[in-house]
Amino acid sequence: MNPETRYRYDALGRRVSKATYGRHTGHTARSRTDFVWEGFRLLQENVQQQGWRTYLYDAEQPYTPVASVTGKGESRQVWYYHTDVTGTPQEVTAADGTLVWAGYIRGFGENAADISNSGAYFHQPLRLPGQYFDDETGLHYNLFRYYAPECGRFVSQDPIGLAGGLNLYQYAPNPIRWIDPLGLAILEHQSNFDAARRTGFENAGMTNPEDVTFSKVDPKTGTVVEFKGPNGAKVAYDAPHADMDVTAGHDKPHVGWQSAGKRGSGGANRGNITYDGP
């Protein structure tokens, strides 16, 4: 029998473990990794024979790793992540600056090469924001879907089916500009609300004020929070509120947008743009 890898998930659909069984190991796992989550973001992993690794993320870009911590006590080590503009790791260095991992990450997340100046293997499975590389399949675990980096597409359909458009396997139109950390909807980040609002209207194709109408007003503040354009285009504001988790992607203050066309016939795109500040 060939090696077999089994995945386990919790009630929210988050993967909590993976274990690989070899030809002669029977019910004993040859390798096993357990995962701990902070909401829908990976917090820790426990790799068999390597121990626990805790991930730390950028406060303003919640899916951008900045460091990981391994070991405890005097053996504790901190590893620093150097990412591109999207939050995809490009290099990892030790506390003394030694390069322990560098990847040649192509546009849609495929890693063409691993490099290390330390001469030792370094476990670095993080790829595009929210993705985790599985060496047993070559796929990236993207929370609610699996992603094939060599073709830049998901291997399963959009969970909402044709309501998301005819392109059921699309990751993002441009991975340099958009990310999809949950495998559900593309996400973009801007430095402030004005930049997010402006980008949202541009993405929706609603740049002519004469074609834009007000469609929803916040009953508490009296401000307009949703705008409609021609042929189904829409922009909506989700400003901060008391129970909002500002670290959790879609729940962070954001501007949502949808371009013109019917999603069910493949004519519309949609996404969210998070931003810093109020």
Protein backbone atom coordinates (compact mmCIF):
# COMPACT_ATOMS: atom_id res chain seq x y z
CA MET A 1 0.00 0.00 0.00
CA ASN A 2 1.21 3.49 -0.84
CA PRO A 3 1.54 6.13 1.90
CA GLU A 4 -1.81 7.62 2.87
CA THR A 5 -2.43 11.00 4.48
CA ARG A 6 -5.60 11.63 6.48
CA TYR A 7 -6.94 15.05 7.44
CA ARG A 8 -9.22 15.92 10.37
CA TYR A 9 -11.37 19.05 10.67
CA ASP A 10 -13.36 20.71 13.44
CA ALA A 11 -16.99 21.83 13.31
CA LEU A 12 -16.00 25.16 11.71
CA GLY A 13 -14.19 23.45 8.84
CA ARG A 14 -10.69 24.24 10.12
CA ARG A 15 -8.11 21.51 9.68
CA VAL A 16 -6.92 20.38 13.11
CA SER A 17 -4.50 17.60 12.15
CA LYS A 18 -2.92 15.67 9.33
CA ALA A 19 -1.24 12.29 9.62
CA THR A 20 0.62 10.16 7.08
CA TYR A 21 0.63 6.38 7.31
CA GLY A 22 3.24 4.29 5.51
CA ARG A 23 3.14 0.86 3.90
CA HIS A 24 4.15 -1.03 7.05
CA THR A 25 3.07 1.31 9.85
CA GLY A 26 -0.52 0.09 10.10
CA HIS A 27 -2.51 2.40 12.35
CA THR A 28 0.60 4.20 13.62
CA ALA A 29 1.24 7.54 11.91
CA ARG A 30 4.62 7.91 10.26
CA SER A 31 4.30 11.69 10.59
CA ARG A 32 1.69 13.90 12.21
CA THR A 33 0.99 17.63 12.52
CA ASP A 34 -1.60 19.20 14.82
CA PHE A 35 -2.96 22.72 14.32
CA VAL A 36 -4.32 25.37 16.70
CA TRP A 37 -6.37 28.28 15.34
CA GLU A 38 -7.05 31.86 16.35
CA GLY A 39 -10.39 32.40 14.68
CA PHE A 40 -9.70 31.56 11.03
CA ARG A 41 -5.97 32.24 11.27
CA LEU A 42 -3.31 29.62 12.01
CA LEU A 43 -1.81 30.27 15.45
CA GLN A 44 0.25 27.15 16.21
CA GLU A 45 1.32 23.85 14.75
CA ASN A 46 2.91 20.86 16.40
CA VAL A 47 5.02 18.89 13.94
CA GLN A 48 5.95 15.41 15.10
CA GLN A 49 9.57 15.28 16.35
CA GLN A 50 9.94 19.05 15.83
CA GLY A 51 7.65 20.44 18.53
CA TRP A 52 5.39 23.46 18.66
CA ARG A 53 5.70 26.53 16.46
CA THR A 54 3.72 29.70 17.25
CA TYR A 55 3.06 32.26 14.50
CA LEU A 56 2.93 36.03 15.05
CA TYR A 57 1.25 38.34 12.54
CA ASP A 58 1.32 41.99 11.52
CA ALA A 59 -1.20 44.03 13.53
CA GLU A 60 -2.37 45.93 10.44
CA GLN A 61 -2.27 43.09 7.89
CA PRO A 62 -3.67 40.14 9.85
CA TYR A 63 -2.54 37.39 7.44
CA THR A 64 1.04 38.66 7.06
CA PRO A 65 3.45 36.65 9.29
CA VAL A 66 6.22 38.61 11.00
CA ALA A 67 7.78 35.91 13.19
CA SER A 68 7.46 32.41 14.59
CA VAL A 69 8.63 31.03 17.92
CA THR A 70 9.91 27.50 18.56
CA GLY A 71 11.14 25.79 21.70
CA LYS A 72 10.79 27.06 25.26
CA GLY A 73 12.97 28.33 28.06
CA GLU A 74 16.62 28.63 27.14
CA SER A 75 16.04 26.70 23.90
CA ARG A 76 13.42 29.16 22.62
CA GLN A 77 14.18 30.65 19.21
CA VAL A 78 12.54 33.44 17.25
CA TRP A 79 12.49 33.36 13.45
CA TYR A 80 11.75 36.51 11.44
CA TYR A 81 9.70 36.54 8.23
CA HIS A 82 10.35 38.92 5.35
CA THR A 83 7.36 39.20 3.04
CA ASP A 84 6.38 40.89 -0.20
CA VAL A 85 3.64 43.51 -0.49
CA THR A 86 0.87 40.88 -0.34
CA GLY A 87 2.20 39.25 2.83
CA THR A 88 3.74 36.19 1.12
CA PRO A 89 6.98 35.04 2.85
CA GLN A 90 10.10 35.49 0.75
CA GLU A 91 12.79 34.90 3.38
CA VAL A 92 13.15 33.77 6.99
CA THR A 93 16.11 34.76 9.16
CA ALA A 94 17.35 33.76 12.60
CA ALA A 95 17.81 36.32 15.38
CA ASP A 96 21.46 36.79 14.35
CA GLY A 97 20.48 37.52 10.74
CA THR A 98 21.38 34.11 9.30
CA LEU A 99 19.21 33.25 6.31
CA VAL A 100 17.52 29.96 7.18
CA TRP A 101 14.98 29.87 4.35
CA ALA A 102 14.35 31.68 1.08
CA GLY A 103 11.82 30.75 -1.54
CA TYR A 104 11.44 31.58 -5.18
CA ILE A 105 7.71 32.28 -5.05
CA ARG A 106 6.06 32.77 -8.42
CA GLY A 107 3.09 35.06 -9.01
CA PHE A 108 0.38 32.56 -8.08
CA GLY A 109 2.23 31.09 -5.11
CA GLU A 110 4.26 28.22 -6.56
CA ASN A 111 7.63 27.84 -4.82
CA ALA A 112 10.22 26.96 -7.45
CA ALA A 113 13.17 26.58 -5.08
CA ASP A 114 14.18 26.49 -1.39
CA ILE A 115 17.43 28.14 -0.33
CA SER A 116 19.17 28.09 3.07
CA ASN A 117 22.49 29.61 4.11
CA SER A 118 22.43 27.64 7.36
CA GLY A 119 22.77 24.31 5.57
CA ALA A 120 19.91 22.80 7.58
CA TYR A 121 16.29 22.11 6.71
CA PHE A 122 13.87 24.77 7.94
CA HIS A 123 10.15 24.05 8.15
CA GLN A 124 8.41 26.88 6.26
CA PRO A 125 4.98 25.89 4.88
CA LEU A 126 3.40 29.37 4.65
CA ARG A 127 2.73 30.55 1.11
CA LEU A 128 0.18 33.12 -0.17
CA PRO A 129 -1.62 34.78 2.78
CA GLY A 130 -3.74 32.20 4.59
CA GLN A 131 -2.22 29.24 2.72
CA TYR A 132 -0.26 26.26 4.09
CA PHE A 133 1.83 24.02 1.82
CA ASP A 134 1.25 20.26 2.06
CA ASP A 135 4.29 18.42 0.73
CA GLU A 136 2.36 15.14 0.54
CA THR A 137 0.01 16.53 -2.13
CA GLY A 138 1.74 19.64 -3.47
CA LEU A 139 -1.44 21.60 -2.72
CA HIS A 140 -1.94 24.62 -0.49
CA TYR A 141 -4.52 24.35 2.28
CA ASN A 142 -6.55 27.59 1.98
CA LEU A 143 -8.95 27.06 4.90
CA PHE A 144 -12.23 26.42 3.07
CA ARG A 145 -10.64 25.11 -0.13
CA TYR A 146 -7.42 23.59 -1.45
CA TYR A 147 -5.34 25.49 -3.98
CA ALA A 148 -3.09 24.24 -6.81
CA PRO A 149 -0.21 26.75 -7.15
CA GLU A 150 1.11 25.42 -10.46
CA CYS A 151 -2.10 26.50 -12.20
CA GLY A 152 -3.16 29.28 -9.82
CA ARG A 153 -6.63 27.90 -9.17
CA PHE A 154 -8.61 26.15 -6.47
CA VAL A 155 -9.19 22.42 -6.92
CA SER A 156 -12.77 22.62 -5.65
CA GLN A 157 -15.63 24.87 -6.64
CA ASP A 158 -16.70 28.09 -4.94
CA PRO A 159 -18.85 26.97 -1.95
CA ILE A 160 -21.67 29.29 -3.05
CA GLY A 161 -21.69 27.73 -6.53
CA LEU A 162 -22.82 29.77 -9.51
CA ALA A 163 -23.91 32.61 -7.23
CA GLY A 164 -20.23 33.56 -7.27
CA GLY A 165 -19.98 33.56 -11.07
CA LEU A 166 -19.12 31.01 -13.73
CA ASN A 167 -15.41 30.96 -12.83
CA LEU A 168 -15.87 28.56 -9.92
CA TYR A 169 -12.17 27.80 -9.40
CA GLN A 170 -10.66 31.30 -9.63
CA TYR A 171 -8.26 32.45 -6.89
CA ALA A 172 -7.99 36.16 -7.72
CA PRO A 173 -7.74 38.15 -10.96
CA ASN A 174 -4.35 39.53 -9.86
CA PRO A 175 -2.54 37.91 -6.87
CA ILE A 176 -0.18 40.88 -6.61
CA ARG A 177 -3.12 43.10 -5.76
CA TRP A 178 -5.65 40.76 -4.12
CA ILE A 179 -5.47 37.89 -1.65
CA ASP A 180 -8.01 35.25 -0.57
CA PRO A 181 -6.96 33.99 2.88
CA LEU A 182 -10.22 32.11 3.51
CA GLY A 183 -10.75 30.61 0.06
CA LEU A 184 -14.07 32.44 -0.16
CA ALA A 185 -13.62 36.01 -1.45
CA ILE A 186 -10.72 38.17 -2.58
CA LEU A 187 -9.37 40.64 -0.05
CA GLU A 188 -7.34 43.83 -0.52
CA HIS A 189 -5.80 46.18 2.04
CA GLN A 190 -5.37 49.95 2.02
CA SER A 191 -3.76 52.36 4.48
CA ASN A 192 -6.93 54.30 5.33
CA PHE A 193 -10.67 54.51 4.71
CA ASP A 194 -10.44 57.09 1.90
CA ALA A 195 -8.02 54.90 -0.08
CA ALA A 196 -10.21 51.83 0.49
CA ARG A 197 -13.36 53.71 -0.53
CA ARG A 198 -11.74 55.06 -3.69
CA THR A 199 -10.40 51.63 -4.68
CA GLY A 200 -13.78 50.04 -3.98
CA PHE A 201 -15.57 52.37 -6.37
CA GLU A 202 -12.87 51.80 -9.01
CA ASN A 203 -13.10 48.01 -8.67
CA ALA A 204 -16.89 48.18 -8.96
CA GLY A 205 -16.65 50.40 -12.05
CA MET A 206 -18.65 53.13 -10.29
CA THR A 207 -16.47 56.14 -11.10
CA ASN A 208 -19.20 58.33 -12.63
CA PRO A 209 -21.16 60.04 -9.81
CA GLU A 210 -24.17 60.46 -12.10
CA ASP A 211 -24.59 56.66 -12.23
CA VAL A 212 -24.39 56.13 -8.45
CA THR A 213 -27.39 56.12 -6.10
CA PHE A 214 -27.67 55.80 -2.31
CA SER A 215 -29.25 52.49 -1.27
CA LYS A 216 -28.73 52.14 2.49
CA VAL A 217 -28.27 54.50 5.45
CA ASP A 218 -26.87 53.57 8.87
CA PRO A 219 -29.80 54.10 11.27
CA LYS A 220 -27.48 55.06 14.15
CA THR A 221 -25.18 57.54 12.41
CA GLY A 222 -27.40 58.68 9.54
CA THR A 223 -24.56 58.23 7.05
CA VAL A 224 -24.83 56.45 3.71
CA VAL A 225 -23.18 53.01 3.90
CA GLU A 226 -24.25 51.41 0.61
CA PHE A 227 -24.21 52.66 -2.97
CA LYS A 228 -25.55 51.08 -6.15
CA GLY A 229 -24.38 51.52 -9.72
CA PRO A 230 -25.53 50.29 -13.13
CA ASN A 231 -26.27 46.62 -13.77
CA GLY A 232 -25.85 45.36 -10.23
CA ALA A 233 -22.62 47.14 -9.27
CA LYS A 234 -22.43 47.93 -5.56
CA VAL A 235 -20.16 49.39 -2.87
CA ALA A 236 -20.81 49.02 0.87
CA TYR A 237 -19.01 50.30 3.97
CA ASP A 238 -18.58 48.19 7.11
CA ALA A 239 -17.10 50.62 9.63
CA PRO A 240 -15.75 49.63 13.07
CA HIS A 241 -18.25 48.67 15.74
CA ALA A 242 -18.01 47.51 19.34
CA ASP A 243 -18.06 43.74 18.75
CA MET A 244 -15.76 43.71 15.72
CA ASP A 245 -12.64 41.53 15.73
CA VAL A 246 -10.17 43.80 13.95
CA THR A 247 -7.69 40.94 13.38
CA ALA A 248 -10.04 38.70 11.45
CA GLY A 249 -10.02 39.63 7.78
CA HIS A 250 -13.59 40.14 6.62
CA ASP A 251 -14.62 41.22 10.15
CA LYS A 252 -12.01 43.96 10.14
CA PRO A 253 -13.32 47.40 9.02
CA HIS A 254 -13.65 47.10 5.27
CA VAL A 255 -15.24 48.30 2.05
CA GLY A 256 -17.09 45.63 0.09
CA TRP A 257 -17.58 45.92 -3.66
CA GLN A 258 -19.22 44.11 -6.56
CA SER A 259 -18.74 44.92 -10.22
CA ALA A 260 -21.54 45.10 -12.78
CA GLY A 261 -23.18 41.97 -14.17
CA LYS A 262 -24.95 38.92 -12.83
CA ARG A 263 -22.80 36.70 -10.66
CA GLY A 264 -24.71 33.63 -11.72
CA SER A 265 -23.78 34.22 -15.36
CA GLY A 266 -20.12 35.05 -14.70
CA GLY A 267 -20.42 38.78 -15.28
CA ALA A 268 -19.48 40.13 -11.86
CA ASN A 269 -16.54 40.05 -9.47
CA ARG A 270 -16.68 40.87 -5.78
CA GLY A 271 -14.24 41.48 -2.95
CA ASN A 272 -13.44 43.28 0.30
CA ILE A 273 -10.88 45.98 1.03
CA THR A 274 -9.70 46.25 4.63
CA TYR A 275 -8.10 49.43 5.92
CA ASP A 276 -6.29 50.85 8.94
CA GLY A 277 -7.84 53.28 11.39
CA PRO A 278 -11.45 54.36 11.88
